[in-house]
């Protein structure tokens, strides 16, 4: 099984017991969320993982956001207008203050844009915003963004752009700001006990809809059974990342319930096409033929998730109907492995992290082994996994299991980083795909964009730089009197949650 991730178990148990005891006394004044891991960063410009996003998205406001129906709506920007094919002007709210009492201004918006697009800053989200060429305060309450070319996905990407205070970041430095983040969102940062929990407090002067919970704890509870037990015992109010078996156990619970939603996230198997044996097309095709997607979704995931033929899900712009992935055919897979000869016999690393369903990872390992590949699972913590996953083809694992979401519901945020040679996430080199992706991210005509993405899907299905697996469902456990509807973008907006009587 290779190297396993180790968590400070004694510390977690002690902390969970202490927090649980306190939680029992706190009642509805404190809302407790059990995550599968702790955030790697609370700086919204320096992260790319769900456990960070769940927490910091409540600390910061974004330029725009999505409502529960998935529509892009105002947040810090109250309105916007297209000045030209490459310029858009945003009107900025004039009634917003950061948690330190300072006023949010257009200069803070400009600073946030320039920070996340600065290559030297090294944001893992750079590929989502690198079409922005400039940002400028162009009026008392306006900011104009200029893109290097027409960029129709700009608004969809900007739903992820958190606004940070220029003065605080410059005073604290990046490390200091990560330790004590200051935003303008419905909750303010209170404390971070590393390896245990992050505590947020309600922003009592928030300009928008205020949260119902005075204090919120985000706890790091890597074991799913423990998250479920905490929920059933009443010491947690919300648990993320439950599997289908755990969801089934909640059906008879008097205290808790399961909440589910099909997400924009696609689960996939990424092949590093620059390394043996996946530099051989027939070996990549063999992998695609070896995977029984319906067996994974129905036999292991209980039918909550849906097999996918492409690297997008139907809720994402750029989805194409009629794409035919290579069918499950283990006999054909064995034959292709045999044709590849000795090159297909070397040990192949299958990289994963504990946040992913290891039942799926192990089933994939078995299916690949059955057709003649030599696959070893290597587990690392999420932060280490992500560092390797975005570090270019020389370091990207030969084979890795992942689940991708850009939280933007636009193909540009999925296909460009995963496939284009300019992206650190990409282990694929295909000039035709690069051209199609570049065309799609610049075309203002939606039909032209969709045609380009359909062509990319066809190439991926044939050339197999990745094997799309399924549209992931998000399964949460929640206390029965919590009113909340999960959405495809997997955001935990605390101010959209309510207690019911």
Protein backbone atom coordinates (compact mmCIF):
# COMPACT_ATOMS: atom_id res chain seq x y z
CA UNK A 1 0.00 0.00 0.00
CA UNK A 2 2.99 2.35 0.23
CA UNK A 3 3.39 5.35 2.47
CA UNK A 4 0.39 6.28 4.61
CA UNK A 5 -0.63 9.64 5.97
CA UNK A 6 -0.39 9.88 9.75
CA UNK A 7 -2.46 12.23 11.88
CA UNK A 8 -1.70 13.16 15.52
CA UNK A 9 -4.40 10.83 16.80
CA UNK A 10 -3.99 11.54 20.52
CA UNK A 11 -4.23 15.25 19.92
CA UNK A 12 -7.33 14.87 17.80
CA UNK A 13 -9.07 12.54 20.28
CA UNK A 14 -8.29 14.80 23.21
CA UNK A 15 -9.40 17.87 21.35
CA UNK A 16 -12.59 16.25 20.07
CA UNK A 17 -13.50 15.09 23.58
CA UNK A 18 -12.84 18.53 25.00
CA UNK A 19 -14.71 20.30 22.27
CA UNK A 20 -17.53 17.77 22.43
CA UNK A 21 -17.99 18.30 26.14
CA UNK A 22 -17.97 22.04 25.66
CA UNK A 23 -20.28 21.71 22.66
CA UNK A 24 -22.87 19.85 24.71
CA UNK A 25 -23.02 22.88 27.03
CA UNK A 26 -22.96 25.49 24.30
CA UNK A 27 -26.26 24.48 22.74
CA UNK A 28 -27.35 26.49 19.74
CA UNK A 29 -24.95 29.35 20.47
CA UNK A 30 -22.17 27.37 18.86
CA UNK A 31 -22.33 25.58 15.54
CA UNK A 32 -19.80 22.79 15.02
CA UNK A 33 -18.66 21.54 11.63
CA UNK A 34 -16.53 18.42 11.29
CA UNK A 35 -14.22 18.53 8.26
CA UNK A 36 -12.14 15.65 6.91
CA UNK A 37 -8.95 17.67 7.41
CA UNK A 38 -7.78 21.02 8.60
CA UNK A 39 -7.34 23.94 6.21
CA UNK A 40 -3.95 24.17 4.54
CA UNK A 41 -4.36 27.96 4.42
CA UNK A 42 -6.88 30.60 5.41
CA UNK A 43 -5.46 33.08 2.93
CA UNK A 44 -8.05 32.88 0.11
CA UNK A 45 -5.41 33.57 -2.52
CA UNK A 46 -3.09 30.78 -1.36
CA UNK A 47 -5.27 27.69 -1.28
CA UNK A 48 -6.88 25.17 -3.59
CA UNK A 49 -8.66 22.60 -1.46
CA UNK A 50 -12.15 22.14 0.01
CA UNK A 51 -11.24 22.20 3.72
CA UNK A 52 -9.70 25.66 3.32
CA UNK A 53 -12.55 26.90 1.14
CA UNK A 54 -15.25 25.74 3.57
CA UNK A 55 -13.77 27.98 6.26
CA UNK A 56 -12.36 31.06 4.56
CA UNK A 57 -15.33 31.60 2.25
CA UNK A 58 -17.25 32.73 5.35
CA UNK A 59 -14.51 35.16 6.37
CA UNK A 60 -14.25 36.94 3.02
CA UNK A 61 -16.65 38.49 0.56
CA UNK A 62 -16.07 38.00 -3.15
CA UNK A 63 -16.44 40.44 -6.00
CA UNK A 64 -19.52 38.49 -7.18
CA UNK A 65 -21.07 35.24 -6.00
CA UNK A 66 -23.68 32.65 -6.96
CA UNK A 67 -27.07 32.31 -5.34
CA UNK A 68 -28.55 28.96 -4.39
CA UNK A 69 -29.96 28.61 -7.92
CA UNK A 70 -26.48 28.95 -9.40
CA UNK A 71 -26.97 32.43 -10.85
CA UNK A 72 -24.15 34.99 -10.67
CA UNK A 73 -25.30 37.82 -8.39
CA UNK A 74 -23.72 40.91 -6.80
CA UNK A 75 -21.64 40.82 -3.65
CA UNK A 76 -18.90 43.46 -3.27
CA UNK A 77 -19.70 44.56 -6.82
CA UNK A 78 -23.28 45.83 -6.99
CA UNK A 79 -23.32 46.10 -10.79
CA UNK A 80 -21.08 45.72 -13.83
CA UNK A 81 -21.03 46.76 -17.46
CA UNK A 82 -18.97 45.71 -20.45
CA UNK A 83 -16.96 48.64 -21.78
CA UNK A 84 -15.39 46.68 -24.64
CA UNK A 85 -14.48 43.12 -25.55
CA UNK A 86 -11.63 43.28 -23.04
CA UNK A 87 -12.84 45.71 -20.35
CA UNK A 88 -15.54 45.46 -17.72
CA UNK A 89 -16.37 48.09 -15.11
CA UNK A 90 -17.61 47.13 -11.64
CA UNK A 91 -19.46 49.37 -9.22
CA UNK A 92 -18.16 48.68 -5.69
CA UNK A 93 -20.27 48.84 -2.54
CA UNK A 94 -19.55 51.87 -0.38
CA UNK A 95 -21.01 50.49 2.87
CA UNK A 96 -18.64 47.61 3.61
CA UNK A 97 -16.03 47.46 6.38
CA UNK A 98 -13.38 44.84 7.07
CA UNK A 99 -13.31 43.08 10.41
CA UNK A 100 -10.61 45.46 11.67
CA UNK A 101 -12.97 48.39 11.13
CA UNK A 102 -11.29 49.76 8.01
CA UNK A 103 -13.47 50.66 5.03
CA UNK A 104 -13.38 48.41 1.96
CA UNK A 105 -12.48 50.55 -1.06
CA UNK A 106 -11.89 50.10 -4.78
CA UNK A 107 -8.17 50.12 -3.97
CA UNK A 108 -8.66 46.92 -1.95
CA UNK A 109 -10.37 45.31 -4.94
CA UNK A 110 -7.51 46.34 -7.24
CA UNK A 111 -4.96 45.07 -4.74
CA UNK A 112 -6.76 41.71 -4.48
CA UNK A 113 -6.82 41.26 -8.24
CA UNK A 114 -3.18 42.21 -8.69
CA UNK A 115 -2.10 40.00 -5.80
CA UNK A 116 -3.70 36.83 -7.10
CA UNK A 117 -2.50 37.48 -10.66
CA UNK A 118 1.09 38.21 -9.66
CA UNK A 119 3.19 35.27 -10.87
CA UNK A 120 5.78 35.93 -8.18
CA UNK A 121 3.07 35.57 -5.52
CA UNK A 122 2.52 31.99 -6.70
CA UNK A 123 -1.19 31.51 -6.15
CA UNK A 124 -2.38 27.99 -7.06
CA UNK A 125 -5.41 29.77 -8.54
CA UNK A 126 -3.32 31.80 -10.98
CA UNK A 127 -4.52 29.79 -13.98
CA UNK A 128 -8.09 30.82 -13.18
CA UNK A 129 -7.26 34.54 -13.33
CA UNK A 130 -4.27 34.87 -15.64
CA UNK A 131 -6.34 36.40 -18.43
CA UNK A 132 -6.68 39.54 -16.31
CA UNK A 133 -4.03 41.96 -17.60
CA UNK A 134 -4.81 44.94 -15.38
CA UNK A 135 -7.04 46.29 -12.64
CA UNK A 136 -7.54 49.97 -11.90
CA UNK A 137 -9.72 52.15 -9.70
CA UNK A 138 -11.42 54.32 -12.31
CA UNK A 139 -13.78 56.27 -10.08
CA UNK A 140 -14.78 56.89 -6.49
CA UNK A 141 -16.61 53.55 -6.42
CA UNK A 142 -15.63 51.82 -9.65
CA UNK A 143 -12.98 49.33 -10.70
CA UNK A 144 -12.19 48.39 -14.29
CA UNK A 145 -10.68 45.03 -15.16
CA UNK A 146 -8.85 44.60 -18.44
CA UNK A 147 -8.22 41.17 -19.93
CA UNK A 148 -5.44 40.34 -22.37
CA UNK A 149 -8.07 39.13 -24.85
CA UNK A 150 -11.82 38.64 -24.82
CA UNK A 151 -12.55 36.34 -21.88
CA UNK A 152 -16.18 35.22 -21.61
CA UNK A 153 -15.54 33.15 -18.47
CA UNK A 154 -14.41 36.17 -16.45
CA UNK A 155 -17.56 36.60 -14.36
CA UNK A 156 -17.74 32.87 -13.68
CA UNK A 157 -14.16 32.94 -12.42
CA UNK A 158 -14.70 36.08 -10.34
CA UNK A 159 -17.16 34.25 -8.07
CA UNK A 160 -13.94 32.93 -6.43
CA UNK A 161 -12.12 36.25 -6.10
CA UNK A 162 -12.05 37.14 -2.41
CA UNK A 163 -11.38 40.74 -1.46
CA UNK A 164 -8.60 41.25 1.09
CA UNK A 165 -7.59 44.49 2.85
CA UNK A 166 -4.51 46.02 1.22
CA UNK A 167 -3.28 47.75 4.37
CA UNK A 168 -3.58 44.66 6.58
CA UNK A 169 -1.86 42.32 4.12
CA UNK A 170 1.01 44.75 3.64
CA UNK A 171 1.35 45.29 7.40
CA UNK A 172 1.15 41.62 8.40
CA UNK A 173 2.89 40.02 5.42
CA UNK A 174 1.59 36.87 3.76
CA UNK A 175 2.45 34.55 6.65
CA UNK A 176 1.00 36.86 9.26
CA UNK A 177 -2.17 37.39 7.26
CA UNK A 178 -2.66 33.64 6.92
CA UNK A 179 -2.39 33.28 10.69
CA UNK A 180 -4.89 36.07 11.36
CA UNK A 181 -6.98 36.61 8.21
CA UNK A 182 -9.10 39.73 8.01
CA UNK A 183 -12.05 39.84 5.66
CA UNK A 184 -15.41 41.57 5.36
CA UNK A 185 -17.59 38.45 5.38
CA UNK A 186 -20.41 37.34 7.68
CA UNK A 187 -17.94 35.67 10.05
CA UNK A 188 -14.64 36.93 11.42
CA UNK A 189 -11.60 34.88 12.31
CA UNK A 190 -11.20 34.19 16.04
CA UNK A 191 -8.54 31.50 16.49
CA UNK A 192 -6.80 28.54 14.87
CA UNK A 193 -5.66 25.65 17.03
CA UNK A 194 -3.46 23.82 14.54
CA UNK A 195 -4.49 20.26 13.88
CA UNK A 196 -7.69 20.68 15.89
CA UNK A 197 -10.07 23.50 14.99
CA UNK A 198 -10.63 26.95 13.54
CA UNK A 199 -13.05 29.18 15.44
CA UNK A 200 -15.06 31.92 13.75
CA UNK A 201 -17.29 34.52 15.37
CA UNK A 202 -20.30 36.19 13.82
CA UNK A 203 -19.69 39.59 12.25
CA UNK A 204 -22.33 41.58 14.10
CA UNK A 205 -21.96 44.56 11.75
CA UNK A 206 -22.09 42.60 8.50
CA UNK A 207 -23.59 44.58 5.63
CA UNK A 208 -25.53 41.61 4.22
CA UNK A 209 -27.50 38.68 5.64
CA UNK A 210 -26.10 37.91 9.08
CA UNK A 211 -25.35 34.40 10.26
CA UNK A 212 -27.61 32.81 12.84
CA UNK A 213 -24.81 31.15 14.79
CA UNK A 214 -22.78 33.36 17.18
CA UNK A 215 -19.74 31.05 17.13
CA UNK A 216 -18.71 28.39 14.60
CA UNK A 217 -16.06 25.69 15.07
CA UNK A 218 -14.53 23.94 12.07
CA UNK A 219 -12.88 20.82 13.47
CA UNK A 220 -10.36 18.56 11.78
CA UNK A 221 -11.77 15.03 12.11
CA UNK A 222 -10.09 12.89 9.44
CA UNK A 223 -11.88 9.65 10.31
CA UNK A 224 -15.32 9.44 8.69
CA UNK A 225 -16.66 7.08 11.35
CA UNK A 226 -15.75 9.61 14.02
CA UNK A 227 -17.48 12.40 12.10
CA UNK A 228 -20.60 10.24 11.90
CA UNK A 229 -20.42 9.33 15.61
CA UNK A 230 -20.05 12.98 16.61
CA UNK A 231 -23.12 13.85 14.58
CA UNK A 232 -25.19 11.06 16.09
CA UNK A 233 -24.02 12.00 19.59
CA UNK A 234 -25.02 15.62 19.06
CA UNK A 235 -21.49 17.01 19.46
CA UNK A 236 -21.33 18.08 15.82
CA UNK A 237 -24.01 19.91 13.85
CA UNK A 238 -22.69 19.35 10.33
CA UNK A 239 -20.25 16.79 8.92
CA UNK A 240 -18.79 16.86 5.43
CA UNK A 241 -17.48 14.04 3.29
CA UNK A 242 -19.68 11.18 4.45
CA UNK A 243 -19.84 8.08 2.29
CA UNK A 244 -22.95 6.27 1.15
CA UNK A 245 -22.83 3.66 3.91
CA UNK A 246 -22.71 6.41 6.51
CA UNK A 247 -25.57 8.24 4.80
CA UNK A 248 -27.58 5.03 5.03
CA UNK A 249 -26.96 4.82 8.77
CA UNK A 250 -28.52 8.25 9.22
CA UNK A 251 -31.85 7.11 7.79
CA UNK A 252 -32.83 5.67 11.15
CA UNK A 253 -31.22 8.38 13.26
CA UNK A 254 -33.47 10.46 15.49
CA UNK A 255 -30.86 13.18 15.81
CA UNK A 256 -29.31 13.60 12.35
CA UNK A 257 -30.07 13.37 8.63
CA UNK A 258 -28.18 13.10 5.36
CA UNK A 259 -28.18 15.97 2.87
CA UNK A 260 -26.95 15.33 -0.66
CA UNK A 261 -26.40 17.16 -3.92
CA UNK A 262 -24.86 16.27 -7.25
CA UNK A 263 -21.94 18.67 -7.62
CA UNK A 264 -20.05 20.33 -10.45
CA UNK A 265 -17.09 18.17 -9.40
CA UNK A 266 -15.92 15.33 -11.63
CA UNK A 267 -13.90 12.42 -10.29
CA UNK A 268 -11.15 11.37 -12.65
CA UNK A 269 -7.99 9.33 -13.03
CA UNK A 270 -5.13 11.46 -14.35
CA UNK A 271 -2.36 9.85 -16.38
CA UNK A 272 1.01 11.57 -16.71
CA UNK A 273 1.47 11.20 -20.46
CA UNK A 274 5.09 12.38 -20.24
CA UNK A 275 6.18 9.37 -18.17
CA UNK A 276 6.30 5.63 -18.96
CA UNK A 277 4.15 3.67 -19.40
CA UNK A 278 1.51 6.34 -20.10
CA UNK A 279 3.55 7.95 -22.82
CA UNK A 280 2.25 4.97 -24.86
CA UNK A 281 -1.30 5.70 -26.15
CA UNK A 282 -2.43 2.06 -26.10
CA UNK A 283 -1.54 1.78 -22.40
CA UNK A 284 -3.65 4.86 -21.68
CA UNK A 285 -6.50 3.33 -23.68
CA UNK A 286 -6.11 0.11 -21.71
CA UNK A 287 -6.64 2.05 -18.48
CA UNK A 288 -9.87 3.52 -19.86
CA UNK A 289 -11.12 0.07 -20.90
CA UNK A 290 -10.20 -1.39 -17.50
CA UNK A 291 -12.33 0.92 -15.35
CA UNK A 292 -15.88 -0.19 -14.59
CA UNK A 293 -17.52 3.17 -13.90
CA UNK A 294 -20.98 1.76 -13.24
CA UNK A 295 -19.47 -0.78 -10.88
CA UNK A 296 -17.85 2.07 -8.94
CA UNK A 297 -20.94 4.25 -8.77
CA UNK A 298 -23.57 1.56 -8.21
CA UNK A 299 -21.59 -1.10 -6.38
CA UNK A 300 -19.55 1.14 -4.08
CA UNK A 301 -21.14 4.59 -4.09
CA UNK A 302 -24.72 3.39 -3.80
CA UNK A 303 -26.00 5.17 -6.89
CA UNK A 304 -25.55 8.68 -5.47
CA UNK A 305 -22.93 9.53 -8.12
CA UNK A 306 -23.31 9.35 -11.93
CA UNK A 307 -20.83 7.88 -14.44
CA UNK A 308 -19.38 10.57 -16.72
CA UNK A 309 -17.95 10.30 -20.25
CA UNK A 310 -16.10 13.63 -20.09
CA UNK A 311 -14.15 15.85 -17.71
CA UNK A 312 -17.16 18.05 -17.01
CA UNK A 313 -20.49 17.52 -15.35
CA UNK A 314 -23.85 18.68 -16.77
CA UNK A 315 -24.03 21.72 -14.45
CA UNK A 316 -20.88 23.21 -16.05
CA UNK A 317 -20.92 25.38 -19.18
CA UNK A 318 -19.03 23.43 -21.83
CA UNK A 319 -20.70 20.09 -21.18
CA UNK A 320 -21.36 18.32 -24.49
CA UNK A 321 -24.06 15.75 -25.09
CA UNK A 322 -23.19 12.62 -27.03
CA UNK A 323 -19.54 12.14 -26.01
CA UNK A 324 -18.66 8.44 -26.08
CA UNK A 325 -15.86 7.37 -23.76
CA UNK A 326 -14.04 4.10 -24.35
CA UNK A 327 -16.28 1.34 -22.96
CA UNK A 328 -15.52 -0.96 -20.06
CA UNK A 329 -13.82 -3.91 -21.75
CA UNK A 330 -11.22 -5.68 -19.60
CA UNK A 331 -10.50 -8.21 -22.35
CA UNK A 332 -9.51 -5.41 -24.71
CA UNK A 333 -7.51 -3.77 -21.91
CA UNK A 334 -5.49 -6.96 -21.36
CA UNK A 335 -4.78 -7.23 -25.06
CA UNK A 336 -3.51 -3.64 -25.23
CA UNK A 337 -1.29 -4.19 -22.19
CA UNK A 338 0.08 -7.30 -23.87
CA UNK A 339 0.83 -5.35 -27.05
CA UNK A 340 2.74 -2.73 -25.03
CA UNK A 341 5.11 -5.42 -23.75
CA UNK A 342 7.60 -4.92 -20.94
CA UNK A 343 6.98 -1.16 -20.77
CA UNK A 344 3.61 -1.80 -19.14
CA UNK A 345 4.99 -4.08 -16.42
CA UNK A 346 6.91 -1.56 -14.28
CA UNK A 347 5.39 -0.49 -10.99
CA UNK A 348 3.07 2.52 -11.31
CA UNK A 349 2.28 4.85 -8.42
CA UNK A 350 -1.40 5.67 -7.86
CA UNK A 351 -1.36 8.86 -5.79
CA UNK A 352 -4.25 9.71 -3.49
CA UNK A 353 -5.11 11.55 -0.27
CA UNK A 354 -7.31 10.62 2.71
CA UNK A 355 -10.04 13.07 1.69
CA UNK A 356 -10.85 10.80 -1.26
CA UNK A 357 -12.94 7.65 -0.89
CA UNK A 358 -10.30 4.97 -0.53
CA UNK A 359 -12.80 2.26 -1.45
CA UNK A 360 -12.82 3.78 -4.95
CA UNK A 361 -9.05 4.08 -5.08
CA UNK A 362 -8.60 0.46 -4.03
CA UNK A 363 -11.21 -0.74 -6.55
CA UNK A 364 -9.39 1.12 -9.33
CA UNK A 365 -6.10 -0.42 -8.25
CA UNK A 366 -7.69 -3.88 -8.41
CA UNK A 367 -9.25 -3.28 -11.83
CA UNK A 368 -5.94 -2.08 -13.26
CA UNK A 369 -4.08 -4.98 -11.68
CA UNK A 370 -6.57 -7.41 -13.17
CA UNK A 371 -5.68 -6.31 -16.70
CA UNK A 372 -1.95 -6.61 -16.15
CA UNK A 373 -0.72 -3.30 -14.75
CA UNK A 374 1.43 -3.16 -11.62
CA UNK A 375 -0.15 -0.46 -9.47
CA UNK A 376 0.83 0.65 -5.96
CA UNK A 377 -1.31 3.08 -3.95
CA UNK A 378 0.63 5.95 -2.34
CA UNK A 379 -1.28 8.05 0.20
CA UNK A 380 -0.12 11.48 1.36
CA UNK A 381 -1.77 14.32 3.25
CA UNK A 382 -3.84 16.67 1.13
CA UNK A 383 -1.37 19.55 1.20
CA UNK A 384 1.46 17.31 -0.05
CA UNK A 385 -0.80 15.71 -2.64
CA UNK A 386 -1.78 19.12 -4.00
CA UNK A 387 1.81 20.38 -4.14
CA UNK A 388 2.76 17.47 -6.37
CA UNK A 389 -0.47 17.68 -8.38
CA UNK A 390 0.25 21.23 -9.53
CA UNK A 391 4.03 21.13 -9.91
CA UNK A 392 4.33 20.23 -13.60
CA UNK A 393 4.80 16.93 -15.43
CA UNK A 394 8.26 16.18 -13.99
CA UNK A 395 6.78 15.92 -10.49
CA UNK A 396 3.12 15.10 -11.10
CA UNK A 397 2.50 11.43 -10.15
CA UNK A 398 2.41 8.86 -12.91
CA UNK A 399 -1.19 8.09 -12.00
CA UNK A 400 -3.43 9.93 -9.59
CA UNK A 401 -7.04 9.91 -8.45
CA UNK A 402 -8.69 13.28 -8.02
CA UNK A 403 -11.96 15.18 -8.01
CA UNK A 404 -11.89 18.56 -9.74
CA UNK A 405 -14.09 21.56 -9.25
CA UNK A 406 -13.30 25.14 -10.23
CA UNK A 407 -16.28 26.41 -8.21
CA UNK A 408 -17.05 28.49 -11.29
CA UNK A 409 -19.28 26.18 -13.36
CA UNK A 410 -17.40 27.01 -16.55
CA UNK A 411 -15.25 24.64 -18.60
CA UNK A 412 -12.39 27.12 -18.69
CA UNK A 413 -11.83 26.50 -14.99
CA UNK A 414 -11.61 22.73 -15.49
CA UNK A 415 -10.22 21.87 -18.89
CA UNK A 416 -7.65 24.65 -19.20
CA UNK A 417 -5.77 23.88 -15.96
CA UNK A 418 -6.01 20.12 -16.39
CA UNK A 419 -4.98 19.94 -20.05
CA UNK A 420 -3.23 23.09 -21.31
CA UNK A 421 0.56 22.90 -21.37
CA UNK A 422 0.90 26.29 -19.63
CA UNK A 423 -0.72 24.96 -16.45
CA UNK A 424 1.26 23.43 -13.61
CA UNK A 425 -1.63 21.00 -13.14
CA UNK A 426 -1.24 19.59 -16.65
CA UNK A 427 0.72 16.46 -17.52
CA UNK A 428 -0.50 16.48 -21.11
CA UNK A 429 1.09 17.89 -24.26
CA UNK A 430 -1.24 18.24 -27.25
CA UNK A 431 -0.99 21.29 -29.52
CA UNK A 432 -4.47 20.79 -30.96
CA UNK A 433 -6.04 20.71 -27.51
CA UNK A 434 -4.06 23.82 -26.50
CA UNK A 435 -5.40 25.70 -29.52
CA UNK A 436 -8.98 24.61 -28.88
CA UNK A 437 -8.77 25.66 -25.25
CA UNK A 438 -7.30 29.03 -26.16
CA UNK A 439 -10.05 29.57 -28.74
CA UNK A 440 -12.77 28.65 -26.25
CA UNK A 441 -11.51 30.97 -23.53
CA UNK A 442 -11.45 33.96 -25.93
CA UNK A 443 -14.56 33.42 -28.06
CA UNK A 444 -17.48 35.68 -27.09
CA UNK A 445 -19.90 33.52 -29.07
CA UNK A 446 -21.19 30.79 -26.71
CA UNK A 447 -21.81 28.42 -29.64
CA UNK A 448 -18.18 28.69 -30.74
CA UNK A 449 -17.02 28.00 -27.20
CA UNK A 450 -19.24 24.93 -26.93
CA UNK A 451 -17.97 23.58 -30.26
CA UNK A 452 -14.36 23.94 -29.13
CA UNK A 453 -15.03 22.19 -25.86
CA UNK A 454 -16.88 19.36 -27.62
CA UNK A 455 -13.79 18.83 -29.78
CA UNK A 456 -11.62 18.70 -26.65
CA UNK A 457 -13.91 16.09 -25.11
CA UNK A 458 -13.61 13.94 -28.23
CA UNK A 459 -9.80 14.09 -28.14
CA UNK A 460 -9.71 13.26 -24.44
CA UNK A 461 -11.98 10.26 -25.02
CA UNK A 462 -9.68 9.01 -27.76
CA UNK A 463 -6.23 9.96 -26.46
CA UNK A 464 -6.95 9.41 -22.73
CA UNK A 465 -4.77 11.90 -20.84
CA UNK A 466 -7.34 11.32 -18.11
CA UNK A 467 -10.21 8.95 -17.49
CA UNK A 468 -13.39 10.78 -16.42
CA UNK A 469 -15.13 8.62 -13.84
CA UNK A 470 -18.26 10.13 -12.31
CA UNK A 471 -20.11 13.25 -11.24
CA UNK A 472 -19.48 13.38 -7.53
CA UNK A 473 -22.28 13.73 -5.06
CA UNK A 474 -21.64 15.69 -1.90
CA UNK A 475 -22.99 13.89 1.15
CA UNK A 476 -23.30 15.80 4.38
CA UNK A 477 -24.62 14.76 7.72
CA UNK A 478 -26.61 17.42 9.56
CA UNK A 479 -28.51 17.73 12.78
CA UNK A 480 -32.21 17.32 12.05
CA UNK A 481 -33.18 20.89 12.93
CA UNK A 482 -30.69 22.45 10.50
CA UNK A 483 -32.30 24.08 7.48
CA UNK A 484 -29.85 24.16 4.57
CA UNK A 485 -29.84 23.13 0.91
CA UNK A 486 -26.46 21.97 -0.49
CA UNK A 487 -25.57 23.31 -3.94
CA UNK A 488 -23.43 22.01 -6.83
CA UNK A 489 -20.55 24.40 -5.97
CA UNK A 490 -20.15 22.79 -2.50
CA UNK A 491 -20.01 26.07 -0.62
CA UNK A 492 -20.79 26.07 3.09
CA UNK A 493 -22.28 29.55 3.40
CA UNK A 494 -23.01 29.77 7.09
CA UNK A 495 -25.33 32.76 6.68
CA UNK A 496 -27.55 30.65 4.41
CA UNK A 497 -28.12 28.08 7.17
CA UNK A 498 -30.83 28.30 9.81
CA UNK A 499 -32.13 26.41 12.82
CA UNK A 500 -35.72 25.23 12.61
CA UNK A 501 -37.98 24.62 15.58
